[in-house]
Full PDB file with SEQRES, HELIX, SHEET, SSBOND, CRYST1, ORIGX, SCALE, CONECT and MASTER records, all heavy atoms in Angstrom:
SEQRES   1 A   37  ARG ASP GLY LEU PHE GLY LEU THR PRO LEU GLY LEU LYS          
SEQRES   2 A   37  ALA ALA GLY GLN VAL VAL ARG PRO ASN ALA GLY SER VAL          
SEQRES   3 A   37  ILE ASN ASP TRP LYS ASN ALA LEU GLY SER GLY                  
HELIX    1 AA1 PRO A    9  ALA A   15  1                                   7    
HELIX    2 AA2 SER A   25  LEU A   34  1                                  10    
CRYST1    1.000    1.000    1.000  90.00  90.00  90.00 P 1           1          
ORIGX1      1.000000  0.000000  0.000000        0.00000                         
ORIGX2      0.000000  1.000000  0.000000        0.00000                         
ORIGX3      0.000000  0.000000  1.000000        0.00000                         
SCALE1      1.000000  0.000000  0.000000        0.00000                         
SCALE2      0.000000  1.000000  0.000000        0.00000                         
SCALE3      0.000000  0.000000  1.000000        0.00000                         
ATOM      1  N   ARG A   1     -17.757  26.420 -29.160  1.00  0.00           N  
ATOM      2  CA  ARG A   1     -18.454  26.332 -30.440  1.00  0.00           C  
ATOM      3  C   ARG A   1     -17.705  25.365 -31.332  1.00  0.00           C  
ATOM      4  O   ARG A   1     -16.481  25.435 -31.436  1.00  0.00           O  
ATOM      5  CB  ARG A   1     -18.505  27.698 -31.123  1.00  0.00           C  
ATOM      6  CG  ARG A   1     -19.388  28.677 -30.412  1.00  0.00           C  
ATOM      7  CD  ARG A   1     -19.488  29.987 -31.170  1.00  0.00           C  
ATOM      8  NE  ARG A   1     -19.929  30.987 -30.219  1.00  0.00           N  
ATOM      9  CZ  ARG A   1     -19.502  32.214 -30.192  1.00  0.00           C  
ATOM     10  NH1 ARG A   1     -18.635  32.631 -31.072  1.00  0.00           N  
ATOM     11  NH2 ARG A   1     -19.948  33.053 -29.287  1.00  0.00           N  
ATOM     12  N   ASP A   2     -18.438  24.500 -31.967  1.00  0.00           N  
ATOM     13  CA  ASP A   2     -17.855  23.531 -32.897  1.00  0.00           C  
ATOM     14  C   ASP A   2     -16.705  22.757 -32.268  1.00  0.00           C  
ATOM     15  O   ASP A   2     -15.693  22.485 -32.905  1.00  0.00           O  
ATOM     16  CB  ASP A   2     -17.384  24.226 -34.173  1.00  0.00           C  
ATOM     17  CG  ASP A   2     -18.512  24.921 -34.916  1.00  0.00           C  
ATOM     18  OD1 ASP A   2     -19.631  24.364 -34.922  1.00  0.00           O  
ATOM     19  OD2 ASP A   2     -18.281  25.997 -35.481  1.00  0.00           O  
ATOM     20  N   GLY A   3     -16.828  22.446 -30.980  1.00  0.00           N  
ATOM     21  CA  GLY A   3     -15.817  21.658 -30.289  1.00  0.00           C  
ATOM     22  C   GLY A   3     -14.592  22.429 -29.843  1.00  0.00           C  
ATOM     23  O   GLY A   3     -13.668  21.858 -29.281  1.00  0.00           O  
ATOM     24  N   LEU A   4     -14.563  23.753 -30.084  1.00  0.00           N  
ATOM     25  CA  LEU A   4     -13.417  24.566 -29.688  1.00  0.00           C  
ATOM     26  C   LEU A   4     -13.818  25.523 -28.569  1.00  0.00           C  
ATOM     27  O   LEU A   4     -14.920  26.057 -28.565  1.00  0.00           O  
ATOM     28  CB  LEU A   4     -12.889  25.366 -30.879  1.00  0.00           C  
ATOM     29  CG  LEU A   4     -12.381  24.559 -32.060  1.00  0.00           C  
ATOM     30  CD1 LEU A   4     -11.999  25.485 -33.205  1.00  0.00           C  
ATOM     31  CD2 LEU A   4     -11.195  23.701 -31.655  1.00  0.00           C  
ATOM     32  N   PHE A   5     -12.905  25.745 -27.638  1.00  0.00           N  
ATOM     33  CA  PHE A   5     -13.150  26.644 -26.522  1.00  0.00           C  
ATOM     34  C   PHE A   5     -12.564  28.012 -26.831  1.00  0.00           C  
ATOM     35  O   PHE A   5     -11.536  28.126 -27.501  1.00  0.00           O  
ATOM     36  CB  PHE A   5     -12.492  26.108 -25.238  1.00  0.00           C  
ATOM     37  CG  PHE A   5     -13.143  24.877 -24.706  1.00  0.00           C  
ATOM     38  CD1 PHE A   5     -12.676  23.625 -25.051  1.00  0.00           C  
ATOM     39  CD2 PHE A   5     -14.246  24.972 -23.874  1.00  0.00           C  
ATOM     40  CE1 PHE A   5     -13.283  22.485 -24.562  1.00  0.00           C  
ATOM     41  CE2 PHE A   5     -14.865  23.836 -23.386  1.00  0.00           C  
ATOM     42  CZ  PHE A   5     -14.381  22.583 -23.731  1.00  0.00           C  
ATOM     43  N   GLY A   6     -13.198  29.030 -26.313  1.00  0.00           N  
ATOM     44  CA  GLY A   6     -12.685  30.385 -26.473  1.00  0.00           C  
ATOM     45  C   GLY A   6     -13.020  31.212 -25.249  1.00  0.00           C  
ATOM     46  O   GLY A   6     -13.972  30.930 -24.516  1.00  0.00           O  
ATOM     47  N   LEU A   7     -12.221  32.247 -25.027  1.00  0.00           N  
ATOM     48  CA  LEU A   7     -12.474  33.172 -23.926  1.00  0.00           C  
ATOM     49  C   LEU A   7     -13.586  34.128 -24.304  1.00  0.00           C  
ATOM     50  O   LEU A   7     -13.657  34.602 -25.436  1.00  0.00           O  
ATOM     51  CB  LEU A   7     -11.222  34.001 -23.624  1.00  0.00           C  
ATOM     52  CG  LEU A   7     -10.122  33.374 -22.805  1.00  0.00           C  
ATOM     53  CD1 LEU A   7      -8.932  34.300 -22.716  1.00  0.00           C  
ATOM     54  CD2 LEU A   7     -10.617  33.032 -21.420  1.00  0.00           C  
ATOM     55  N   THR A   8     -14.414  34.430 -23.360  1.00  0.00           N  
ATOM     56  CA  THR A   8     -15.411  35.474 -23.528  1.00  0.00           C  
ATOM     57  C   THR A   8     -14.750  36.799 -23.129  1.00  0.00           C  
ATOM     58  O   THR A   8     -13.653  36.800 -22.534  1.00  0.00           O  
ATOM     59  CB  THR A   8     -16.623  35.221 -22.616  1.00  0.00           C  
ATOM     60  OG1 THR A   8     -16.182  35.291 -21.256  1.00  0.00           O  
ATOM     61  CG2 THR A   8     -17.261  33.870 -22.911  1.00  0.00           C  
ATOM     62  N   PRO A   9     -15.378  37.932 -23.414  1.00  0.00           N  
ATOM     63  CA  PRO A   9     -14.813  39.208 -22.939  1.00  0.00           C  
ATOM     64  C   PRO A   9     -14.598  39.218 -21.421  1.00  0.00           C  
ATOM     65  O   PRO A   9     -13.587  39.730 -20.940  1.00  0.00           O  
ATOM     66  CB  PRO A   9     -15.852  40.234 -23.376  1.00  0.00           C  
ATOM     67  CG  PRO A   9     -16.465  39.627 -24.607  1.00  0.00           C  
ATOM     68  CD  PRO A   9     -16.526  38.150 -24.296  1.00  0.00           C  
ATOM     69  N   LEU A  10     -15.522  38.617 -20.681  1.00  0.00           N  
ATOM     70  CA  LEU A  10     -15.366  38.534 -19.232  1.00  0.00           C  
ATOM     71  C   LEU A  10     -14.161  37.668 -18.862  1.00  0.00           C  
ATOM     72  O   LEU A  10     -13.407  37.991 -17.938  1.00  0.00           O  
ATOM     73  CB  LEU A  10     -16.649  37.970 -18.601  1.00  0.00           C  
ATOM     74  CG  LEU A  10     -16.711  37.912 -17.081  1.00  0.00           C  
ATOM     75  CD1 LEU A  10     -16.572  39.307 -16.477  1.00  0.00           C  
ATOM     76  CD2 LEU A  10     -18.014  37.268 -16.634  1.00  0.00           C  
ATOM     77  N   GLY A  11     -13.963  36.574 -19.587  1.00  0.00           N  
ATOM     78  CA  GLY A  11     -12.819  35.700 -19.338  1.00  0.00           C  
ATOM     79  C   GLY A  11     -11.503  36.401 -19.634  1.00  0.00           C  
ATOM     80  O   GLY A  11     -10.519  36.243 -18.904  1.00  0.00           O  
ATOM     81  N   LEU A  12     -11.486  37.180 -20.696  1.00  0.00           N  
ATOM     82  CA  LEU A  12     -10.284  37.932 -21.046  1.00  0.00           C  
ATOM     83  C   LEU A  12      -9.956  38.954 -19.967  1.00  0.00           C  
ATOM     84  O   LEU A  12      -8.799  39.115 -19.575  1.00  0.00           O  
ATOM     85  CB  LEU A  12     -10.467  38.604 -22.400  1.00  0.00           C  
ATOM     86  CG  LEU A  12      -9.239  39.224 -23.027  1.00  0.00           C  
ATOM     87  CD1 LEU A  12      -8.119  38.210 -23.201  1.00  0.00           C  
ATOM     88  CD2 LEU A  12      -9.593  39.843 -24.368  1.00  0.00           C  
ATOM     89  N   LYS A  13     -10.981  39.609 -19.466  1.00  0.00           N  
ATOM     90  CA  LYS A  13     -10.778  40.583 -18.387  1.00  0.00           C  
ATOM     91  C   LYS A  13     -10.237  39.892 -17.135  1.00  0.00           C  
ATOM     92  O   LYS A  13      -9.318  40.386 -16.490  1.00  0.00           O  
ATOM     93  CB  LYS A  13     -12.085  41.306 -18.076  1.00  0.00           C  
ATOM     94  CG  LYS A  13     -11.950  42.372 -17.027  1.00  0.00           C  
ATOM     95  CD  LYS A  13     -13.269  43.093 -16.795  1.00  0.00           C  
ATOM     96  CE  LYS A  13     -13.106  44.125 -15.694  1.00  0.00           C  
ATOM     97  NZ  LYS A  13     -14.361  44.798 -15.387  1.00  0.00           N  
ATOM     98  N   ALA A  14     -10.806  38.724 -16.810  1.00  0.00           N  
ATOM     99  CA  ALA A  14     -10.365  37.985 -15.625  1.00  0.00           C  
ATOM    100  C   ALA A  14      -8.929  37.486 -15.774  1.00  0.00           C  
ATOM    101  O   ALA A  14      -8.192  37.400 -14.788  1.00  0.00           O  
ATOM    102  CB  ALA A  14     -11.300  36.802 -15.364  1.00  0.00           C  
ATOM    103  N   ALA A  15      -8.523  37.169 -17.002  1.00  0.00           N  
ATOM    104  CA  ALA A  15      -7.164  36.670 -17.241  1.00  0.00           C  
ATOM    105  C   ALA A  15      -6.116  37.752 -17.017  1.00  0.00           C  
ATOM    106  O   ALA A  15      -4.971  37.464 -16.698  1.00  0.00           O  
ATOM    107  CB  ALA A  15      -7.044  36.130 -18.662  1.00  0.00           C  
ATOM    108  N   GLY A  16      -6.507  39.001 -17.181  1.00  0.00           N  
ATOM    109  CA  GLY A  16      -5.549  40.091 -17.015  1.00  0.00           C  
ATOM    110  C   GLY A  16      -4.699  40.247 -18.263  1.00  0.00           C  
ATOM    111  O   GLY A  16      -5.043  39.769 -19.341  1.00  0.00           O  
ATOM    112  N   GLN A  17      -3.579  40.919 -18.099  1.00  0.00           N  
ATOM    113  CA  GLN A  17      -2.706  41.162 -19.244  1.00  0.00           C  
ATOM    114  C   GLN A  17      -2.180  39.838 -19.798  1.00  0.00           C  
ATOM    115  O   GLN A  17      -1.668  39.004 -19.069  1.00  0.00           O  
ATOM    116  CB  GLN A  17      -1.530  42.044 -18.855  1.00  0.00           C  
ATOM    117  CG  GLN A  17      -0.648  42.380 -20.029  1.00  0.00           C  
ATOM    118  CD  GLN A  17       0.497  43.317 -19.645  1.00  0.00           C  
ATOM    119  OE1 GLN A  17       0.566  43.801 -18.536  1.00  0.00           O  
ATOM    120  NE2 GLN A  17       1.382  43.564 -20.577  1.00  0.00           N  
ATOM    121  N   VAL A  18      -2.327  39.677 -21.092  1.00  0.00           N  
ATOM    122  CA  VAL A  18      -1.874  38.469 -21.764  1.00  0.00           C  
ATOM    123  C   VAL A  18      -0.736  38.847 -22.694  1.00  0.00           C  
ATOM    124  O   VAL A  18      -0.874  39.727 -23.531  1.00  0.00           O  
ATOM    125  CB  VAL A  18      -3.026  37.812 -22.565  1.00  0.00           C  
ATOM    126  CG1 VAL A  18      -2.530  36.608 -23.329  1.00  0.00           C  
ATOM    127  CG2 VAL A  18      -4.170  37.451 -21.634  1.00  0.00           C  
ATOM    128  N   VAL A  19       0.394  38.192 -22.528  1.00  0.00           N  
ATOM    129  CA  VAL A  19       1.551  38.450 -23.372  1.00  0.00           C  
ATOM    130  C   VAL A  19       1.488  37.509 -24.561  1.00  0.00           C  
ATOM    131  O   VAL A  19       1.375  36.289 -24.393  1.00  0.00           O  
ATOM    132  CB  VAL A  19       2.867  38.242 -22.586  1.00  0.00           C  
ATOM    133  CG1 VAL A  19       4.063  38.472 -23.477  1.00  0.00           C  
ATOM    134  CG2 VAL A  19       2.902  39.154 -21.376  1.00  0.00           C  
ATOM    135  N   ARG A  20       1.521  38.081 -25.751  1.00  0.00           N  
ATOM    136  CA  ARG A  20       1.468  37.269 -26.961  1.00  0.00           C  
ATOM    137  C   ARG A  20       2.768  36.490 -27.123  1.00  0.00           C  
ATOM    138  O   ARG A  20       3.842  37.013 -26.874  1.00  0.00           O  
ATOM    139  CB  ARG A  20       1.285  38.180 -28.166  1.00  0.00           C  
ATOM    140  CG  ARG A  20       0.218  37.658 -29.015  1.00  0.00           C  
ATOM    141  CD  ARG A  20      -0.373  38.604 -29.966  1.00  0.00           C  
ATOM    142  NE  ARG A  20      -0.711  37.902 -31.168  1.00  0.00           N  
ATOM    143  CZ  ARG A  20      -1.750  37.107 -31.271  1.00  0.00           C  
ATOM    144  NH1 ARG A  20      -2.515  36.894 -30.257  1.00  0.00           N  
ATOM    145  NH2 ARG A  20      -2.016  36.512 -32.391  1.00  0.00           N  
ATOM    146  N   PRO A  21       2.675  35.229 -27.543  1.00  0.00           N  
ATOM    147  CA  PRO A  21       3.900  34.434 -27.722  1.00  0.00           C  
ATOM    148  C   PRO A  21       4.739  34.944 -28.899  1.00  0.00           C  
ATOM    149  O   PRO A  21       4.214  35.582 -29.815  1.00  0.00           O  
ATOM    150  CB  PRO A  21       3.359  33.022 -28.009  1.00  0.00           C  
ATOM    151  CG  PRO A  21       1.967  33.217 -28.472  1.00  0.00           C  
ATOM    152  CD  PRO A  21       1.463  34.483 -27.863  1.00  0.00           C  
ATOM    153  N   ASN A  22       6.013  34.665 -28.842  1.00  0.00           N  
ATOM    154  CA  ASN A  22       6.907  35.028 -29.940  1.00  0.00           C  
ATOM    155  C   ASN A  22       6.572  34.198 -31.171  1.00  0.00           C  
ATOM    156  O   ASN A  22       6.129  33.051 -31.059  1.00  0.00           O  
ATOM    157  CB  ASN A  22       8.372  34.777 -29.553  1.00  0.00           C  
ATOM    158  CG  ASN A  22       8.824  35.683 -28.443  1.00  0.00           C  
ATOM    159  OD1 ASN A  22       8.416  36.829 -28.346  1.00  0.00           O  
ATOM    160  ND2 ASN A  22       9.667  35.148 -27.567  1.00  0.00           N  
ATOM    161  N   ALA A  23       6.810  34.755 -32.342  1.00  0.00           N  
ATOM    162  CA  ALA A  23       6.533  34.052 -33.597  1.00  0.00           C  
ATOM    163  C   ALA A  23       7.279  32.717 -33.626  1.00  0.00           C  
ATOM    164  O   ALA A  23       8.480  32.651 -33.373  1.00  0.00           O  
ATOM    165  CB  ALA A  23       6.938  34.920 -34.785  1.00  0.00           C  
ATOM    166  N   GLY A  24       6.554  31.676 -33.899  1.00  0.00           N  
ATOM    167  CA  GLY A  24       7.128  30.335 -33.975  1.00  0.00           C  
ATOM    168  C   GLY A  24       7.105  29.568 -32.671  1.00  0.00           C  
ATOM    169  O   GLY A  24       7.296  28.353 -32.671  1.00  0.00           O  
ATOM    170  N   SER A  25       6.847  30.241 -31.558  1.00  0.00           N  
ATOM    171  CA  SER A  25       6.893  29.539 -30.277  1.00  0.00           C  
ATOM    172  C   SER A  25       5.710  28.596 -30.089  1.00  0.00           C  
ATOM    173  O   SER A  25       5.843  27.561 -29.437  1.00  0.00           O  
ATOM    174  CB  SER A  25       6.989  30.522 -29.108  1.00  0.00           C  
ATOM    175  OG  SER A  25       5.812  31.293 -28.993  1.00  0.00           O  
ATOM    176  N   VAL A  26       4.560  28.916 -30.665  1.00  0.00           N  
ATOM    177  CA  VAL A  26       3.399  28.030 -30.528  1.00  0.00           C  
ATOM    178  C   VAL A  26       3.691  26.692 -31.184  1.00  0.00           C  
ATOM    179  O   VAL A  26       3.439  25.634 -30.606  1.00  0.00           O  
ATOM    180  CB  VAL A  26       2.132  28.687 -31.124  1.00  0.00           C  
ATOM    181  CG1 VAL A  26       1.002  27.682 -31.242  1.00  0.00           C  
ATOM    182  CG2 VAL A  26       1.709  29.876 -30.271  1.00  0.00           C  
ATOM    183  N   ILE A  27       4.256  26.742 -32.375  1.00  0.00           N  
ATOM    184  CA  ILE A  27       4.598  25.499 -33.079  1.00  0.00           C  
ATOM    185  C   ILE A  27       5.612  24.700 -32.266  1.00  0.00           C  
ATOM    186  O   ILE A  27       5.458  23.493 -32.071  1.00  0.00           O  
ATOM    187  CB  ILE A  27       5.128  25.797 -34.491  1.00  0.00           C  
ATOM    188  CG1 ILE A  27       3.988  26.379 -35.350  1.00  0.00           C  
ATOM    189  CG2 ILE A  27       5.723  24.549 -35.134  1.00  0.00           C  
ATOM    190  CD1 ILE A  27       4.435  26.974 -36.663  1.00  0.00           C  
ATOM    191  N   ASN A  28       6.634  25.364 -31.786  1.00  0.00           N  
ATOM    192  CA  ASN A  28       7.661  24.668 -30.990  1.00  0.00           C  
ATOM    193  C   ASN A  28       7.079  24.082 -29.706  1.00  0.00           C  
ATOM    194  O   ASN A  28       7.433  22.968 -29.318  1.00  0.00           O  
ATOM    195  CB  ASN A  28       8.820  25.604 -30.677  1.00  0.00           C  
ATOM    196  CG  ASN A  28       9.656  25.889 -31.897  1.00  0.00           C  
ATOM    197  OD1 ASN A  28       9.738  25.084 -32.820  1.00  0.00           O  
ATOM    198  ND2 ASN A  28      10.267  27.054 -31.933  1.00  0.00           N  
ATOM    199  N   ASP A  29       6.205  24.822 -29.060  1.00  0.00           N  
ATOM    200  CA  ASP A  29       5.593  24.320 -27.826  1.00  0.00           C  
ATOM    201  C   ASP A  29       4.766  23.068 -28.100  1.00  0.00           C  
ATOM    202  O   ASP A  29       4.826  22.093 -27.342  1.00  0.00           O  
ATOM    203  CB  ASP A  29       4.714  25.395 -27.179  1.00  0.00           C  
ATOM    204  CG  ASP A  29       5.516  26.522 -26.560  1.00  0.00           C  
ATOM    205  OD1 ASP A  29       6.746  26.380 -26.392  1.00  0.00           O  
ATOM    206  OD2 ASP A  29       4.904  27.565 -26.241  1.00  0.00           O  
ATOM    207  N   TRP A  30       3.980  23.079 -29.181  1.00  0.00           N  
ATOM    208  CA  TRP A  30       3.190  21.893 -29.532  1.00  0.00           C  
ATOM    209  C   TRP A  30       4.091  20.722 -29.887  1.00  0.00           C  
ATOM    210  O   TRP A  30       3.837  19.588 -29.470  1.00  0.00           O  
ATOM    211  CB  TRP A  30       2.227  22.191 -30.677  1.00  0.00           C  
ATOM    212  CG  TRP A  30       0.965  22.818 -30.207  1.00  0.00           C  
ATOM    213  CD1 TRP A  30       0.529  24.096 -30.434  1.00  0.00           C  
ATOM    214  CD2 TRP A  30      -0.051  22.210 -29.399  1.00  0.00           C  
ATOM    215  NE1 TRP A  30      -0.674  24.297 -29.817  1.00  0.00           N  
ATOM    216  CE2 TRP A  30      -1.062  23.159 -29.186  1.00  0.00           C  
ATOM    217  CE3 TRP A  30      -0.197  20.935 -28.844  1.00  0.00           C  
ATOM    218  CZ2 TRP A  30      -2.200  22.880 -28.436  1.00  0.00           C  
ATOM    219  CZ3 TRP A  30      -1.328  20.657 -28.099  1.00  0.00           C  
ATOM    220  CH2 TRP A  30      -2.315  21.621 -27.897  1.00  0.00           C  
ATOM    221  N   LYS A  31       5.140  20.976 -30.639  1.00  0.00           N  
ATOM    222  CA  LYS A  31       6.045  19.895 -31.019  1.00  0.00           C  
ATOM    223  C   LYS A  31       6.699  19.281 -29.783  1.00  0.00           C  
ATOM    224  O   LYS A  31       6.810  18.059 -29.677  1.00  0.00           O  
ATOM    225  CB  LYS A  31       7.092  20.410 -32.011  1.00  0.00           C  
ATOM    226  CG  LYS A  31       6.490  20.658 -33.395  1.00  0.00           C  
ATOM    227  CD  LYS A  31       7.417  21.370 -34.342  1.00  0.00           C  
ATOM    228  CE  LYS A  31       8.689  20.631 -34.584  1.00  0.00           C  
ATOM    229  NZ  LYS A  31       9.536  21.270 -35.602  1.00  0.00           N  
ATOM    230  N   ASN A  32       7.105  20.110 -28.848  1.00  0.00           N  
ATOM    231  CA  ASN A  32       7.702  19.599 -27.606  1.00  0.00           C  
ATOM    232  C   ASN A  32       6.692  18.796 -26.796  1.00  0.00           C  
ATOM    233  O   ASN A  32       7.032  17.774 -26.197  1.00  0.00           O  
ATOM    234  CB  ASN A  32       8.249  20.743 -26.757  1.00  0.00           C  
ATOM    235  CG  ASN A  32       9.497  21.344 -27.342  1.00  0.00           C  
ATOM    236  OD1 ASN A  32      10.241  20.691 -28.073  1.00  0.00           O  
ATOM    237  ND2 ASN A  32       9.730  22.608 -27.061  1.00  0.00           N  
ATOM    238  N   ALA A  33       5.457  19.241 -26.766  1.00  0.00           N  
ATOM    239  CA  ALA A  33       4.430  18.561 -25.978  1.00  0.00           C  
ATOM    240  C   ALA A  33       4.009  17.232 -26.598  1.00  0.00           C  
ATOM    241  O   ALA A  33       3.699  16.290 -25.868  1.00  0.00           O  
ATOM    242  CB  ALA A  33       3.201  19.471 -25.834  1.00  0.00           C  
ATOM    243  N   LEU A  34       4.010  17.141 -27.923  1.00  0.00           N  
ATOM    244  CA  LEU A  34       3.484  15.948 -28.588  1.00  0.00           C  
ATOM    245  C   LEU A  34       4.520  14.878 -28.905  1.00  0.00           C  
ATOM    246  O   LEU A  34       4.166  13.740 -29.162  1.00  0.00           O  
ATOM    247  CB  LEU A  34       2.760  16.354 -29.870  1.00  0.00           C  
ATOM    248  CG  LEU A  34       1.499  17.188 -29.652  1.00  0.00           C  
ATOM    249  CD1 LEU A  34       0.975  17.715 -30.974  1.00  0.00           C  
ATOM    250  CD2 LEU A  34       0.438  16.379 -28.929  1.00  0.00           C  
ATOM    251  N   GLY A  35       5.790  15.230 -28.922  1.00  0.00           N  
ATOM    252  CA  GLY A  35       6.828  14.243 -29.202  1.00  0.00           C  
ATOM    253  C   GLY A  35       7.243  14.208 -30.658  1.00  0.00           C  
ATOM    254  O   GLY A  35       6.705  14.910 -31.511  1.00  0.00           O  
ATOM    255  N   SER A  36       8.227  13.344 -30.957  1.00  0.00           N  
ATOM    256  CA  SER A  36       8.870  13.376 -32.275  1.00  0.00           C  
ATOM    257  C   SER A  36       7.983  12.925 -33.429  1.00  0.00           C  
ATOM    258  O   SER A  36       8.039  13.504 -34.506  1.00  0.00           O  
ATOM    259  CB  SER A  36      10.164  12.563 -32.260  1.00  0.00           C  
ATOM    260  OG  SER A  36       9.882  11.188 -32.114  1.00  0.00           O  
ATOM    261  N   GLY A  37       7.158  11.907 -33.249  1.00  0.00           N  
ATOM    262  CA  GLY A  37       6.308  11.435 -34.343  1.00  0.00           C  
ATOM    263  C   GLY A  37       5.335  12.499 -34.822  1.00  0.00           C  
ATOM    264  O   GLY A  37       5.342  12.879 -36.001  1.00  0.00           O  
TER     265      GLY A  37                                                      
MASTER        0    0    0    2    0    0    0    6  264    1    0    3          
END                                                                             
C-alpha cells in the first residue's frame, strides 16, 4: 500500500517467531548499510 510492503497475518504466521530488535539497532543497521554520507 502506498509503495510500502507489509506482512499479512498469513505472512506473519509463516515467518514464525519474530524477535524484536533492540532499541536503536534499526537505526544502526540502516546507517551501516547506507554508508557515511
